[in-house]
Amino acid sequence: MTHTPSEIGVLQAEARRCHALEQGDYSELDRLIAPDATYTHARGGTDEGSTYLQMVQTGFDYLSCARGPLKVKIVGEIAIMTGTMHNIMRRRENGEQVTLDAQVLQVWQWREDRWMIIAFQATRLPS
């Protein structure tokens, strides 16, 4: 684990986020997403960190979470991350498989000796 804010550290945190989604590791997700985060979905709805975690736990199984090339800009204890995302999910309510290809903007903050997402915005890519 990286113990200071760095580009490598935030990329490692994003890899852990994707792995946690795929494994259903909600404890790890809780460590990576700030409770006061703003999480805006590709469909336009917005959650706070806590309501996002609740939605993930009850709404979807993540079959795959893959990121394309990521760009990271560090500004003090803030990291701005951009890049594509390809998620395959299954809705728990009906078993429907959903694929999401999106461009993502994430803002991470170095808090409590770790990177935490404080803002997330996904924009669906054209088919």
N, C-alpha and C. Protein backbone atom coordinates (compact mmCIF):
# COMPACT_ATOMS: atom_id res chain seq x y z
N MET A 1 0.84 -1.18 0.00
CA MET A 1 0.00 0.00 0.00
C MET A 1 0.88 1.24 0.00
N THR A 2 0.50 2.22 -0.80
CA THR A 2 1.23 3.48 -0.85
C THR A 2 0.79 4.35 0.33
N HIS A 3 1.74 4.96 1.03
CA HIS A 3 1.44 5.72 2.23
C HIS A 3 1.52 7.23 2.03
N THR A 4 1.68 7.68 0.81
CA THR A 4 1.65 9.11 0.51
C THR A 4 0.86 9.28 -0.78
N PRO A 5 0.28 10.47 -0.99
CA PRO A 5 -0.46 10.69 -2.22
C PRO A 5 0.45 10.56 -3.44
N SER A 6 0.11 9.70 -4.37
CA SER A 6 0.91 9.53 -5.58
C SER A 6 0.03 9.00 -6.69
N GLU A 7 0.48 9.17 -7.93
CA GLU A 7 -0.26 8.66 -9.07
C GLU A 7 -0.38 7.14 -8.99
N ILE A 8 0.71 6.47 -8.67
CA ILE A 8 0.67 5.01 -8.56
C ILE A 8 -0.32 4.58 -7.48
N GLY A 9 -0.33 5.29 -6.37
CA GLY A 9 -1.24 4.95 -5.28
C GLY A 9 -2.70 5.08 -5.67
N VAL A 10 -3.05 6.13 -6.40
CA VAL A 10 -4.45 6.30 -6.78
C VAL A 10 -4.85 5.27 -7.85
N LEU A 11 -3.93 4.92 -8.73
CA LEU A 11 -4.21 3.86 -9.71
C LEU A 11 -4.41 2.52 -9.00
N GLN A 12 -3.63 2.26 -7.96
CA GLN A 12 -3.82 1.04 -7.17
C GLN A 12 -5.17 1.07 -6.45
N ALA A 13 -5.57 2.22 -5.96
CA ALA A 13 -6.87 2.35 -5.30
C ALA A 13 -8.00 2.06 -6.28
N GLU A 14 -7.88 2.55 -7.50
CA GLU A 14 -8.91 2.28 -8.51
C GLU A 14 -8.96 0.80 -8.87
N ALA A 15 -7.82 0.16 -8.95
CA ALA A 15 -7.79 -1.29 -9.21
C ALA A 15 -8.48 -2.04 -8.06
N ARG A 16 -8.25 -1.59 -6.82
CA ARG A 16 -8.92 -2.22 -5.68
C ARG A 16 -10.42 -1.99 -5.73
N ARG A 17 -10.85 -0.81 -6.18
CA ARG A 17 -12.29 -0.52 -6.29
C ARG A 17 -12.95 -1.48 -7.28
N CYS A 18 -12.33 -1.64 -8.45
CA CYS A 18 -12.89 -2.56 -9.44
C CYS A 18 -12.93 -3.99 -8.92
N HIS A 19 -11.85 -4.41 -8.28
CA HIS A 19 -11.80 -5.77 -7.72
C HIS A 19 -12.87 -5.95 -6.65
N ALA A 20 -13.05 -4.94 -5.80
CA ALA A 20 -14.06 -5.01 -4.74
C ALA A 20 -15.47 -5.12 -5.33
N LEU A 21 -15.74 -4.38 -6.42
CA LEU A 21 -17.05 -4.50 -7.07
C LEU A 21 -17.27 -5.93 -7.58
N GLU A 22 -16.27 -6.48 -8.24
CA GLU A 22 -16.39 -7.83 -8.80
C GLU A 22 -16.54 -8.89 -7.71
N GLN A 23 -15.90 -8.69 -6.57
CA GLN A 23 -15.92 -9.68 -5.48
C GLN A 23 -17.04 -9.44 -4.47
N GLY A 24 -17.75 -8.33 -4.62
CA GLY A 24 -18.77 -7.99 -3.63
C GLY A 24 -18.16 -7.66 -2.28
N ASP A 25 -16.98 -7.06 -2.29
CA ASP A 25 -16.27 -6.70 -1.06
C ASP A 25 -16.71 -5.29 -0.64
N TYR A 26 -17.85 -5.21 0.04
CA TYR A 26 -18.44 -3.92 0.39
C TYR A 26 -17.65 -3.20 1.48
N SER A 27 -16.93 -3.94 2.27
CA SER A 27 -16.06 -3.34 3.28
C SER A 27 -14.95 -2.52 2.60
N GLU A 28 -14.34 -3.10 1.56
CA GLU A 28 -13.29 -2.38 0.82
C GLU A 28 -13.88 -1.18 0.09
N LEU A 29 -15.06 -1.35 -0.52
CA LEU A 29 -15.70 -0.21 -1.20
C LEU A 29 -15.97 0.93 -0.21
N ASP A 30 -16.39 0.56 0.99
CA ASP A 30 -16.66 1.57 2.01
C ASP A 30 -15.39 2.34 2.37
N ARG A 31 -14.24 1.68 2.32
CA ARG A 31 -12.97 2.35 2.61
C ARG A 31 -12.53 3.27 1.46
N LEU A 32 -12.99 2.98 0.24
CA LEU A 32 -12.54 3.72 -0.95
C LEU A 32 -13.46 4.86 -1.35
N ILE A 33 -14.70 4.84 -0.89
CA ILE A 33 -15.68 5.86 -1.30
C ILE A 33 -16.06 6.66 -0.06
N ALA A 34 -15.76 7.95 -0.11
CA ALA A 34 -16.05 8.82 1.04
C ALA A 34 -17.56 8.87 1.28
N PRO A 35 -17.98 8.90 2.55
CA PRO A 35 -19.41 8.97 2.85
C PRO A 35 -20.09 10.19 2.24
N ASP A 36 -19.34 11.28 2.09
CA ASP A 36 -19.90 12.52 1.53
C ASP A 36 -19.63 12.65 0.03
N ALA A 37 -19.25 11.55 -0.62
CA ALA A 37 -18.97 11.59 -2.06
C ALA A 37 -20.24 11.91 -2.85
N THR A 38 -20.04 12.50 -4.01
CA THR A 38 -21.12 12.69 -4.98
C THR A 38 -20.86 11.70 -6.10
N TYR A 39 -21.81 10.81 -6.33
CA TYR A 39 -21.64 9.73 -7.31
C TYR A 39 -22.75 9.88 -8.34
N THR A 40 -22.40 10.38 -9.54
CA THR A 40 -23.39 10.60 -10.59
C THR A 40 -23.28 9.48 -11.63
N HIS A 41 -24.38 8.77 -11.80
CA HIS A 41 -24.45 7.62 -12.70
C HIS A 41 -24.62 8.06 -14.15
N ALA A 42 -24.34 7.14 -15.06
CA ALA A 42 -24.45 7.42 -16.50
C ALA A 42 -25.87 7.79 -16.90
N ARG A 43 -26.87 7.34 -16.17
CA ARG A 43 -28.26 7.68 -16.47
C ARG A 43 -28.68 9.03 -15.90
N GLY A 44 -27.78 9.65 -15.11
CA GLY A 44 -28.05 10.99 -14.60
C GLY A 44 -28.42 11.06 -13.14
N GLY A 45 -28.78 9.95 -12.53
CA GLY A 45 -29.10 9.96 -11.11
C GLY A 45 -27.85 10.17 -10.27
N THR A 46 -28.04 10.74 -9.10
CA THR A 46 -26.91 11.02 -8.22
C THR A 46 -27.15 10.42 -6.85
N ASP A 47 -26.09 9.83 -6.31
CA ASP A 47 -26.11 9.28 -4.96
C ASP A 47 -25.01 9.94 -4.15
N GLU A 48 -25.15 9.88 -2.84
CA GLU A 48 -24.05 10.17 -1.93
C GLU A 48 -23.32 8.85 -1.74
N GLY A 49 -22.14 8.90 -1.13
CA GLY A 49 -21.36 7.69 -0.94
C GLY A 49 -22.14 6.58 -0.27
N SER A 50 -22.86 6.89 0.80
CA SER A 50 -23.59 5.86 1.56
C SER A 50 -24.74 5.28 0.75
N THR A 51 -25.48 6.11 0.01
CA THR A 51 -26.60 5.58 -0.78
C THR A 51 -26.09 4.82 -1.99
N TYR A 52 -24.94 5.21 -2.53
CA TYR A 52 -24.33 4.45 -3.62
C TYR A 52 -23.98 3.05 -3.13
N LEU A 53 -23.34 2.95 -1.98
CA LEU A 53 -22.96 1.64 -1.45
C LEU A 53 -24.19 0.77 -1.22
N GLN A 54 -25.26 1.35 -0.73
CA GLN A 54 -26.50 0.60 -0.53
C GLN A 54 -27.05 0.10 -1.86
N MET A 55 -27.02 0.95 -2.90
CA MET A 55 -27.50 0.56 -4.22
C MET A 55 -26.67 -0.59 -4.78
N VAL A 56 -25.35 -0.52 -4.63
CA VAL A 56 -24.48 -1.58 -5.14
C VAL A 56 -24.78 -2.89 -4.42
N GLN A 57 -24.96 -2.84 -3.12
CA GLN A 57 -25.19 -4.05 -2.33
C GLN A 57 -26.52 -4.72 -2.66
N THR A 58 -27.53 -3.93 -2.98
CA THR A 58 -28.86 -4.50 -3.18
C THR A 58 -29.27 -4.61 -4.65
N GLY A 59 -28.64 -3.83 -5.53
CA GLY A 59 -29.15 -3.75 -6.90
C GLY A 59 -28.44 -4.57 -7.94
N PHE A 60 -27.13 -4.76 -7.82
CA PHE A 60 -26.37 -5.37 -8.90
C PHE A 60 -25.31 -6.33 -8.39
N ASP A 61 -25.02 -7.31 -9.24
CA ASP A 61 -23.80 -8.10 -9.11
C ASP A 61 -22.90 -7.64 -10.24
N TYR A 62 -21.69 -7.25 -9.92
CA TYR A 62 -20.74 -6.81 -10.94
C TYR A 62 -19.97 -8.03 -11.45
N LEU A 63 -20.19 -8.38 -12.70
CA LEU A 63 -19.51 -9.52 -13.31
C LEU A 63 -18.13 -9.12 -13.78
N SER A 64 -17.99 -7.86 -14.20
CA SER A 64 -16.71 -7.35 -14.70
C SER A 64 -16.68 -5.84 -14.52
N CYS A 65 -15.53 -5.34 -14.11
CA CYS A 65 -15.28 -3.90 -14.01
C CYS A 65 -13.91 -3.67 -14.63
N ALA A 66 -13.89 -3.12 -15.82
CA ALA A 66 -12.62 -2.92 -16.52
C ALA A 66 -12.45 -1.45 -16.87
N ARG A 67 -11.25 -0.97 -16.73
CA ARG A 67 -10.93 0.41 -17.06
C ARG A 67 -10.00 0.44 -18.26
N GLY A 68 -10.23 1.42 -19.14
CA GLY A 68 -9.31 1.67 -20.26
C GLY A 68 -8.12 2.45 -19.74
N PRO A 69 -7.33 3.01 -20.63
CA PRO A 69 -6.21 3.83 -20.17
C PRO A 69 -6.71 4.96 -19.28
N LEU A 70 -6.03 5.17 -18.17
CA LEU A 70 -6.42 6.22 -17.22
C LEU A 70 -5.38 7.32 -17.19
N LYS A 71 -5.86 8.55 -17.13
CA LYS A 71 -4.98 9.71 -16.94
C LYS A 71 -5.22 10.23 -15.53
N VAL A 72 -4.14 10.56 -14.85
CA VAL A 72 -4.24 11.05 -13.48
C VAL A 72 -3.45 12.35 -13.37
N LYS A 73 -4.07 13.34 -12.75
CA LYS A 73 -3.40 14.60 -12.44
C LYS A 73 -3.49 14.80 -10.93
N ILE A 74 -2.35 14.92 -10.29
CA ILE A 74 -2.30 15.14 -8.85
C ILE A 74 -2.15 16.63 -8.57
N VAL A 75 -3.02 17.15 -7.72
CA VAL A 75 -2.96 18.55 -7.29
C VAL A 75 -3.02 18.52 -5.76
N GLY A 76 -1.87 18.60 -5.12
CA GLY A 76 -1.82 18.50 -3.67
C GLY A 76 -2.31 17.13 -3.22
N GLU A 77 -3.38 17.11 -2.44
CA GLU A 77 -3.94 15.86 -1.95
C GLU A 77 -5.20 15.46 -2.72
N ILE A 78 -5.34 16.00 -3.92
CA ILE A 78 -6.45 15.67 -4.82
C ILE A 78 -5.89 15.02 -6.07
N ALA A 79 -6.57 13.98 -6.54
CA ALA A 79 -6.21 13.34 -7.81
C ALA A 79 -7.44 13.37 -8.71
N ILE A 80 -7.23 13.84 -9.93
CA ILE A 80 -8.30 13.87 -10.93
C ILE A 80 -7.98 12.76 -11.92
N MET A 81 -8.90 11.80 -12.04
CA MET A 81 -8.70 10.64 -12.89
C MET A 81 -9.75 10.63 -13.99
N THR A 82 -9.31 10.42 -15.23
CA THR A 82 -10.24 10.29 -16.35
C THR A 82 -9.88 9.05 -17.16
N GLY A 83 -10.89 8.49 -17.80
CA GLY A 83 -10.68 7.33 -18.65
C GLY A 83 -11.98 6.58 -18.87
N THR A 84 -11.89 5.57 -19.71
CA THR A 84 -13.09 4.79 -20.03
C THR A 84 -13.28 3.65 -19.03
N MET A 85 -14.52 3.19 -19.00
CA MET A 85 -14.91 2.10 -18.11
C MET A 85 -15.82 1.16 -18.89
N HIS A 86 -15.64 -0.12 -18.69
CA HIS A 86 -16.51 -1.14 -19.29
C HIS A 86 -16.96 -2.06 -18.16
N ASN A 87 -18.24 -1.94 -17.77
CA ASN A 87 -18.79 -2.76 -16.69
C ASN A 87 -19.84 -3.70 -17.26
N ILE A 88 -19.84 -4.92 -16.75
CA ILE A 88 -20.92 -5.86 -17.03
C ILE A 88 -21.53 -6.22 -15.68
N MET A 89 -22.83 -5.99 -15.56
CA MET A 89 -23.52 -6.18 -14.29
C MET A 89 -24.77 -7.04 -14.50
N ARG A 90 -25.26 -7.63 -13.42
CA ARG A 90 -26.51 -8.36 -13.47
C ARG A 90 -27.43 -7.75 -12.41
N ARG A 91 -28.64 -7.37 -12.87
CA ARG A 91 -29.62 -6.82 -11.94
C ARG A 91 -30.12 -7.94 -11.03
N ARG A 92 -30.10 -7.70 -9.76
CA ARG A 92 -30.55 -8.73 -8.82
C ARG A 92 -32.05 -8.97 -8.88
N GLU A 93 -32.80 -7.93 -9.22
CA GLU A 93 -34.27 -8.06 -9.22
C GLU A 93 -34.78 -9.01 -10.29
N ASN A 94 -34.09 -9.08 -11.45
CA ASN A 94 -34.62 -9.91 -12.54
C ASN A 94 -33.56 -10.70 -13.31
N GLY A 95 -32.29 -10.59 -12.92
CA GLY A 95 -31.23 -11.34 -13.58
C GLY A 95 -30.78 -10.76 -14.90
N GLU A 96 -31.34 -9.62 -15.31
CA GLU A 96 -30.97 -8.99 -16.58
C GLU A 96 -29.51 -8.56 -16.54
N GLN A 97 -28.80 -8.87 -17.63
CA GLN A 97 -27.41 -8.44 -17.75
C GLN A 97 -27.36 -7.06 -18.40
N VAL A 98 -26.56 -6.18 -17.82
CA VAL A 98 -26.44 -4.80 -18.28
C VAL A 98 -24.96 -4.52 -18.56
N THR A 99 -24.69 -3.95 -19.72
CA THR A 99 -23.34 -3.54 -20.07
C THR A 99 -23.28 -2.03 -20.11
N LEU A 100 -22.26 -1.48 -19.50
CA LEU A 100 -22.08 -0.03 -19.49
C LEU A 100 -20.69 0.31 -19.99
N ASP A 101 -20.65 1.08 -21.07
CA ASP A 101 -19.41 1.66 -21.57
C ASP A 101 -19.52 3.15 -21.35
N ALA A 102 -18.58 3.70 -20.60
CA ALA A 102 -18.69 5.11 -20.21
C ALA A 102 -17.32 5.77 -20.15
N GLN A 103 -17.35 7.08 -20.29
CA GLN A 103 -16.21 7.92 -19.97
C GLN A 103 -16.43 8.36 -18.53
N VAL A 104 -15.39 8.28 -17.72
CA VAL A 104 -15.55 8.54 -16.29
C VAL A 104 -14.58 9.63 -15.84
N LEU A 105 -15.09 10.50 -14.99
CA LEU A 105 -14.29 11.50 -14.28
C LEU A 105 -14.42 11.18 -12.80
N GLN A 106 -13.28 10.93 -12.16
CA GLN A 106 -13.26 10.65 -10.73
C GLN A 106 -12.35 11.66 -10.04
N VAL A 107 -12.79 12.10 -8.88
CA VAL A 107 -11.96 12.96 -8.05
C VAL A 107 -11.71 12.18 -6.76
N TRP A 108 -10.44 11.97 -6.49
CA TRP A 108 -10.00 11.27 -5.29
C TRP A 108 -9.35 12.27 -4.35
N GLN A 109 -9.49 12.04 -3.06
CA GLN A 109 -8.82 12.88 -2.07
C GLN A 109 -8.04 11.97 -1.12
N TRP A 110 -6.84 12.42 -0.75
CA TRP A 110 -6.03 11.70 0.22
C TRP A 110 -6.59 12.04 1.60
N ARG A 111 -7.27 11.08 2.23
CA ARG A 111 -7.90 11.25 3.53
C ARG A 111 -7.58 10.05 4.40
N GLU A 112 -7.41 10.29 5.65
CA GLU A 112 -7.23 9.19 6.60
C GLU A 112 -6.15 8.21 6.12
N ASP A 113 -5.09 8.75 5.53
CA ASP A 113 -3.93 7.97 5.08
C ASP A 113 -4.27 7.01 3.94
N ARG A 114 -5.26 7.39 3.10
CA ARG A 114 -5.60 6.57 1.93
C ARG A 114 -6.36 7.44 0.92
N TRP A 115 -6.41 6.95 -0.33
CA TRP A 115 -7.19 7.61 -1.37
C TRP A 115 -8.66 7.24 -1.22
N MET A 116 -9.53 8.26 -1.32
CA MET A 116 -10.98 8.04 -1.26
C MET A 116 -11.63 8.84 -2.39
N ILE A 117 -12.61 8.24 -3.04
CA ILE A 117 -13.37 8.96 -4.07
C ILE A 117 -14.28 9.97 -3.39
N ILE A 118 -14.20 11.21 -3.86
CA ILE A 118 -15.10 12.25 -3.35
C ILE A 118 -16.09 12.70 -4.44
N ALA A 119 -15.80 12.38 -5.70
CA ALA A 119 -16.74 12.69 -6.79
C ALA A 119 -16.51 11.71 -7.92
N PHE A 120 -17.62 11.28 -8.54
CA PHE A 120 -17.59 10.32 -9.64
C PHE A 120 -18.67 10.74 -10.62
N GLN A 121 -18.33 10.79 -11.90
CA GLN A 121 -19.29 11.14 -12.96
C GLN A 121 -19.05 10.21 -14.13
N ALA A 122 -20.06 9.44 -14.50
CA ALA A 122 -19.98 8.55 -15.66
C ALA A 122 -20.88 9.10 -16.76
N THR A 123 -20.36 9.13 -17.98
CA THR A 123 -21.14 9.54 -19.15
C THR A 123 -21.11 8.38 -20.15
N ARG A 124 -22.30 7.85 -20.44
CA ARG A 124 -22.40 6.71 -21.35
C ARG A 124 -21.80 7.07 -22.71
N LEU A 125 -20.98 6.17 -23.23
CA LEU A 125 -20.40 6.34 -24.55
C LEU A 125 -21.42 5.93 -25.62
N PRO A 126 -21.37 6.56 -26.81
CA PRO A 126 -22.30 6.16 -27.85
C PRO A 126 -22.05 4.70 -28.25
N SER A 127 -23.13 4.05 -28.65
CA SER A 127 -23.02 2.62 -29.07
C SER A 127 -22.15 2.45 -30.28
